[in-house]
Amino acid sequence: NTKKEDVQKSADPAPSEAATAASGSSYVQVASVDNPATAASEWKKLSAKLPDLAGKPYRVVQAVVKGKTYHRVQVGPMSKDAATALCTSIKAKKPGGCLVVK
């Protein structure tokens, strides 16, 4: 059971960001928490801490794993290559800090 919610879209993204977003369906998962309110605050904390995330759109995807509901914070959409590059950059600052998802 996966429910997708668009939580925030960045206003007027730069053309390169818009082109990247339009060219893919990959996301970078940066957090998974058990409370939707915590998901929003986790995004604010991470985007302040990691400049690569600032201004990027994100979504919160609800997933049930072994009977427990999680809210996954995912940045995107973007191409798989852009997602991999972003995740690599994040991992350099926060080891184990992300994964690329569809």
N, C-alpha and C. Protein backbone atom coordinates (compact mmCIF):
# COMPACT_ATOMS: atom_id res chain seq x y z
N ASN A 1 0.84 -1.18 0.00
CA ASN A 1 0.00 0.00 0.00
C ASN A 1 0.88 1.24 0.00
N THR A 2 0.87 1.98 -1.07
CA THR A 2 1.65 3.19 -1.16
C THR A 2 0.75 4.32 -1.61
N LYS A 3 0.72 5.39 -0.85
CA LYS A 3 -0.08 6.56 -1.17
C LYS A 3 0.87 7.71 -1.40
N LYS A 4 0.73 8.41 -2.52
CA LYS A 4 1.61 9.52 -2.83
C LYS A 4 0.89 10.84 -2.56
N GLU A 5 1.57 11.75 -1.90
CA GLU A 5 1.04 13.08 -1.65
C GLU A 5 2.09 14.08 -2.12
N ASP A 6 1.69 15.02 -2.93
CA ASP A 6 2.59 16.12 -3.26
C ASP A 6 2.48 17.13 -2.15
N VAL A 7 3.57 17.37 -1.46
CA VAL A 7 3.55 18.25 -0.31
C VAL A 7 3.97 19.66 -0.69
N GLN A 8 5.02 19.77 -1.47
CA GLN A 8 5.51 21.10 -1.80
C GLN A 8 6.11 21.06 -3.19
N LYS A 9 5.87 22.10 -3.93
CA LYS A 9 6.52 22.29 -5.22
C LYS A 9 7.28 23.60 -5.12
N SER A 10 8.51 23.62 -5.57
CA SER A 10 9.26 24.87 -5.50
C SER A 10 8.67 25.85 -6.51
N ALA A 11 8.67 27.10 -6.17
CA ALA A 11 8.13 28.13 -7.05
C ALA A 11 9.17 28.52 -8.08
N ASP A 12 8.74 28.58 -9.33
CA ASP A 12 9.59 29.01 -10.42
C ASP A 12 10.99 28.41 -10.40
N PRO A 13 11.10 27.09 -10.62
CA PRO A 13 12.44 26.50 -10.63
C PRO A 13 13.28 27.04 -11.78
N ALA A 14 14.59 27.04 -11.59
CA ALA A 14 15.48 27.47 -12.65
C ALA A 14 15.28 26.57 -13.86
N PRO A 15 15.52 27.07 -15.07
CA PRO A 15 15.28 26.25 -16.27
C PRO A 15 15.98 24.90 -16.24
N SER A 16 17.21 24.84 -15.73
CA SER A 16 17.91 23.55 -15.69
C SER A 16 17.20 22.58 -14.75
N GLU A 17 16.69 23.08 -13.62
CA GLU A 17 15.95 22.22 -12.70
C GLU A 17 14.64 21.76 -13.34
N ALA A 18 13.96 22.67 -14.03
CA ALA A 18 12.69 22.31 -14.68
C ALA A 18 12.94 21.27 -15.76
N ALA A 19 14.00 21.44 -16.54
CA ALA A 19 14.31 20.48 -17.59
C ALA A 19 14.65 19.12 -17.00
N THR A 20 15.41 19.12 -15.90
CA THR A 20 15.76 17.87 -15.24
C THR A 20 14.51 17.19 -14.70
N ALA A 21 13.65 17.95 -14.06
CA ALA A 21 12.44 17.38 -13.47
C ALA A 21 11.54 16.80 -14.56
N ALA A 22 11.45 17.50 -15.68
CA ALA A 22 10.56 17.05 -16.75
C ALA A 22 11.09 15.80 -17.46
N SER A 23 12.37 15.50 -17.29
CA SER A 23 12.96 14.42 -18.07
C SER A 23 13.08 13.10 -17.32
N GLY A 24 12.42 12.96 -16.18
CA GLY A 24 12.57 11.70 -15.47
C GLY A 24 11.47 11.42 -14.48
N SER A 25 11.55 10.20 -13.95
CA SER A 25 10.55 9.77 -12.97
C SER A 25 11.23 9.20 -11.72
N SER A 26 12.48 9.57 -11.51
CA SER A 26 13.21 9.09 -10.34
C SER A 26 13.17 10.12 -9.22
N TYR A 27 13.27 9.63 -8.00
CA TYR A 27 13.27 10.46 -6.81
C TYR A 27 14.43 10.04 -5.93
N VAL A 28 14.86 10.94 -5.05
CA VAL A 28 15.88 10.63 -4.07
C VAL A 28 15.19 10.63 -2.71
N GLN A 29 15.14 9.46 -2.08
CA GLN A 29 14.53 9.36 -0.75
C GLN A 29 15.56 9.78 0.28
N VAL A 30 15.20 10.79 1.08
CA VAL A 30 16.14 11.34 2.06
C VAL A 30 15.74 11.07 3.50
N ALA A 31 14.51 10.59 3.71
CA ALA A 31 14.06 10.29 5.07
C ALA A 31 12.84 9.38 5.03
N SER A 32 12.63 8.65 6.11
CA SER A 32 11.45 7.84 6.31
C SER A 32 11.09 7.93 7.79
N VAL A 33 9.91 8.49 8.06
CA VAL A 33 9.50 8.73 9.44
C VAL A 33 8.11 8.16 9.68
N ASP A 34 7.70 8.06 10.94
CA ASP A 34 6.41 7.43 11.24
C ASP A 34 5.26 8.41 11.41
N ASN A 35 5.50 9.70 11.17
CA ASN A 35 4.48 10.70 11.39
C ASN A 35 4.51 11.72 10.24
N PRO A 36 3.36 12.03 9.62
CA PRO A 36 3.38 12.98 8.50
C PRO A 36 3.87 14.37 8.89
N ALA A 37 3.56 14.82 10.10
CA ALA A 37 4.05 16.13 10.55
C ALA A 37 5.57 16.10 10.70
N THR A 38 6.10 14.99 11.15
CA THR A 38 7.55 14.84 11.28
C THR A 38 8.21 14.87 9.90
N ALA A 39 7.53 14.35 8.88
CA ALA A 39 8.08 14.34 7.52
C ALA A 39 8.34 15.77 7.05
N ALA A 40 7.39 16.67 7.28
CA ALA A 40 7.56 18.06 6.86
C ALA A 40 8.71 18.73 7.62
N SER A 41 8.80 18.50 8.93
CA SER A 41 9.87 19.12 9.70
C SER A 41 11.22 18.50 9.35
N GLU A 42 11.24 17.22 9.02
CA GLU A 42 12.48 16.56 8.61
C GLU A 42 12.97 17.16 7.29
N TRP A 43 12.05 17.43 6.36
CA TRP A 43 12.42 18.06 5.10
C TRP A 43 13.05 19.43 5.35
N LYS A 44 12.42 20.24 6.20
CA LYS A 44 12.96 21.57 6.50
C LYS A 44 14.37 21.47 7.07
N LYS A 45 14.55 20.53 7.99
CA LYS A 45 15.85 20.35 8.63
C LYS A 45 16.90 19.91 7.59
N LEU A 46 16.56 18.91 6.76
CA LEU A 46 17.51 18.40 5.77
C LEU A 46 17.83 19.44 4.70
N SER A 47 16.81 20.15 4.21
CA SER A 47 17.06 21.13 3.15
C SER A 47 17.88 22.31 3.67
N ALA A 48 17.80 22.61 4.96
CA ALA A 48 18.64 23.65 5.54
C ALA A 48 20.08 23.16 5.72
N LYS A 49 20.23 21.88 6.04
CA LYS A 49 21.54 21.28 6.32
C LYS A 49 22.29 20.92 5.03
N LEU A 50 21.55 20.52 4.00
CA LEU A 50 22.16 20.06 2.75
C LEU A 50 21.80 21.01 1.61
N PRO A 51 22.72 21.91 1.22
CA PRO A 51 22.43 22.91 0.19
C PRO A 51 21.95 22.31 -1.14
N ASP A 52 22.34 21.07 -1.44
CA ASP A 52 21.90 20.43 -2.69
C ASP A 52 20.38 20.26 -2.75
N LEU A 53 19.71 20.27 -1.60
CA LEU A 53 18.26 20.07 -1.55
C LEU A 53 17.48 21.38 -1.60
N ALA A 54 18.12 22.47 -1.28
CA ALA A 54 17.42 23.76 -1.18
C ALA A 54 16.70 24.11 -2.48
N GLY A 55 15.41 24.44 -2.34
CA GLY A 55 14.62 24.86 -3.50
C GLY A 55 14.09 23.75 -4.37
N LYS A 56 14.44 22.52 -4.08
CA LYS A 56 13.98 21.40 -4.91
C LYS A 56 12.58 20.96 -4.44
N PRO A 57 11.76 20.49 -5.37
CA PRO A 57 10.45 19.97 -4.97
C PRO A 57 10.59 18.62 -4.28
N TYR A 58 9.63 18.31 -3.42
CA TYR A 58 9.66 17.02 -2.77
C TYR A 58 8.24 16.51 -2.60
N ARG A 59 8.14 15.24 -2.26
CA ARG A 59 6.84 14.63 -1.98
C ARG A 59 7.00 13.75 -0.75
N VAL A 60 5.87 13.43 -0.15
CA VAL A 60 5.84 12.48 0.95
C VAL A 60 5.00 11.30 0.50
N VAL A 61 5.59 10.11 0.53
CA VAL A 61 4.91 8.90 0.10
C VAL A 61 4.65 8.03 1.32
N GLN A 62 3.39 7.67 1.50
CA GLN A 62 3.02 6.81 2.63
C GLN A 62 3.21 5.36 2.21
N ALA A 63 3.85 4.57 3.07
CA ALA A 63 4.06 3.16 2.78
C ALA A 63 3.84 2.35 4.05
N VAL A 64 3.21 1.19 3.89
CA VAL A 64 2.99 0.30 5.03
C VAL A 64 3.98 -0.86 4.89
N VAL A 65 4.82 -1.02 5.90
CA VAL A 65 5.84 -2.07 5.91
C VAL A 65 5.65 -2.88 7.18
N LYS A 66 5.37 -4.17 7.03
CA LYS A 66 5.15 -5.07 8.17
C LYS A 66 4.14 -4.49 9.16
N GLY A 67 3.05 -3.94 8.61
CA GLY A 67 1.98 -3.42 9.44
C GLY A 67 2.20 -2.03 10.03
N LYS A 68 3.34 -1.43 9.76
CA LYS A 68 3.63 -0.10 10.29
C LYS A 68 3.66 0.91 9.15
N THR A 69 3.05 2.07 9.37
CA THR A 69 2.99 3.11 8.34
C THR A 69 4.19 4.05 8.45
N TYR A 70 4.83 4.29 7.31
CA TYR A 70 5.96 5.21 7.22
C TYR A 70 5.63 6.30 6.22
N HIS A 71 6.25 7.44 6.39
CA HIS A 71 6.09 8.57 5.49
C HIS A 71 7.48 8.88 4.94
N ARG A 72 7.65 8.60 3.66
CA ARG A 72 8.96 8.72 3.03
C ARG A 72 9.10 10.06 2.33
N VAL A 73 10.14 10.80 2.66
CA VAL A 73 10.40 12.10 2.07
C VAL A 73 11.29 11.88 0.85
N GLN A 74 10.77 12.28 -0.33
CA GLN A 74 11.48 12.02 -1.58
C GLN A 74 11.58 13.31 -2.41
N VAL A 75 12.78 13.60 -2.90
CA VAL A 75 13.06 14.78 -3.72
C VAL A 75 12.91 14.40 -5.19
N GLY A 76 12.26 15.25 -5.97
CA GLY A 76 12.13 14.99 -7.40
C GLY A 76 10.79 15.44 -7.92
N PRO A 77 10.43 15.00 -9.13
CA PRO A 77 11.08 13.98 -9.96
C PRO A 77 12.27 14.55 -10.75
N MET A 78 13.10 13.62 -11.20
CA MET A 78 14.27 13.97 -12.01
C MET A 78 14.72 12.73 -12.76
N SER A 79 15.69 12.91 -13.66
CA SER A 79 16.21 11.76 -14.39
C SER A 79 16.95 10.84 -13.42
N LYS A 80 17.12 9.59 -13.81
CA LYS A 80 17.84 8.64 -12.95
C LYS A 80 19.28 9.11 -12.73
N ASP A 81 19.91 9.64 -13.78
CA ASP A 81 21.29 10.13 -13.66
C ASP A 81 21.37 11.30 -12.68
N ALA A 82 20.40 12.23 -12.76
CA ALA A 82 20.39 13.37 -11.84
C ALA A 82 20.14 12.90 -10.41
N ALA A 83 19.25 11.92 -10.25
CA ALA A 83 18.96 11.38 -8.91
C ALA A 83 20.19 10.70 -8.32
N THR A 84 20.89 9.92 -9.15
CA THR A 84 22.10 9.24 -8.69
C THR A 84 23.16 10.25 -8.29
N ALA A 85 23.33 11.31 -9.09
CA ALA A 85 24.33 12.34 -8.79
C ALA A 85 23.97 13.07 -7.49
N LEU A 86 22.69 13.40 -7.32
CA LEU A 86 22.25 14.08 -6.10
C LEU A 86 22.48 13.19 -4.88
N CYS A 87 22.12 11.92 -5.00
CA CYS A 87 22.28 10.99 -3.88
C CYS A 87 23.77 10.82 -3.53
N THR A 88 24.61 10.73 -4.52
CA THR A 88 26.06 10.62 -4.28
C THR A 88 26.57 11.84 -3.52
N SER A 89 26.10 13.01 -3.92
CA SER A 89 26.50 14.24 -3.25
C SER A 89 26.00 14.26 -1.80
N ILE A 90 24.77 13.83 -1.58
CA ILE A 90 24.21 13.78 -0.23
C ILE A 90 24.99 12.80 0.65
N LYS A 91 25.30 11.63 0.09
CA LYS A 91 26.02 10.61 0.86
C LYS A 91 27.42 11.08 1.29
N ALA A 92 28.02 11.98 0.49
CA ALA A 92 29.33 12.52 0.86
C ALA A 92 29.24 13.36 2.13
N LYS A 93 28.07 13.95 2.36
CA LYS A 93 27.86 14.80 3.54
C LYS A 93 27.14 14.07 4.66
N LYS A 94 26.33 13.06 4.30
CA LYS A 94 25.51 12.32 5.27
C LYS A 94 25.53 10.85 4.86
N PRO A 95 26.56 10.10 5.25
CA PRO A 95 26.67 8.70 4.83
C PRO A 95 25.38 7.90 5.08
N GLY A 96 24.98 7.13 4.04
CA GLY A 96 23.77 6.34 4.15
C GLY A 96 22.52 7.20 4.11
N GLY A 97 22.67 8.46 3.68
CA GLY A 97 21.60 9.42 3.80
C GLY A 97 20.53 9.44 2.73
N CYS A 98 20.57 8.54 1.74
CA CYS A 98 19.55 8.58 0.70
C CYS A 98 19.57 7.30 -0.13
N LEU A 99 18.53 7.18 -0.96
CA LEU A 99 18.50 6.13 -1.96
C LEU A 99 17.64 6.60 -3.13
N VAL A 100 17.97 6.12 -4.32
CA VAL A 100 17.23 6.49 -5.53
C VAL A 100 16.05 5.54 -5.69
N VAL A 101 14.85 6.11 -5.90
CA VAL A 101 13.63 5.34 -6.06
C VAL A 101 12.84 5.85 -7.25
N LYS A 102 11.87 5.06 -7.69
CA LYS A 102 10.98 5.48 -8.79
C LYS A 102 9.71 6.03 -8.22
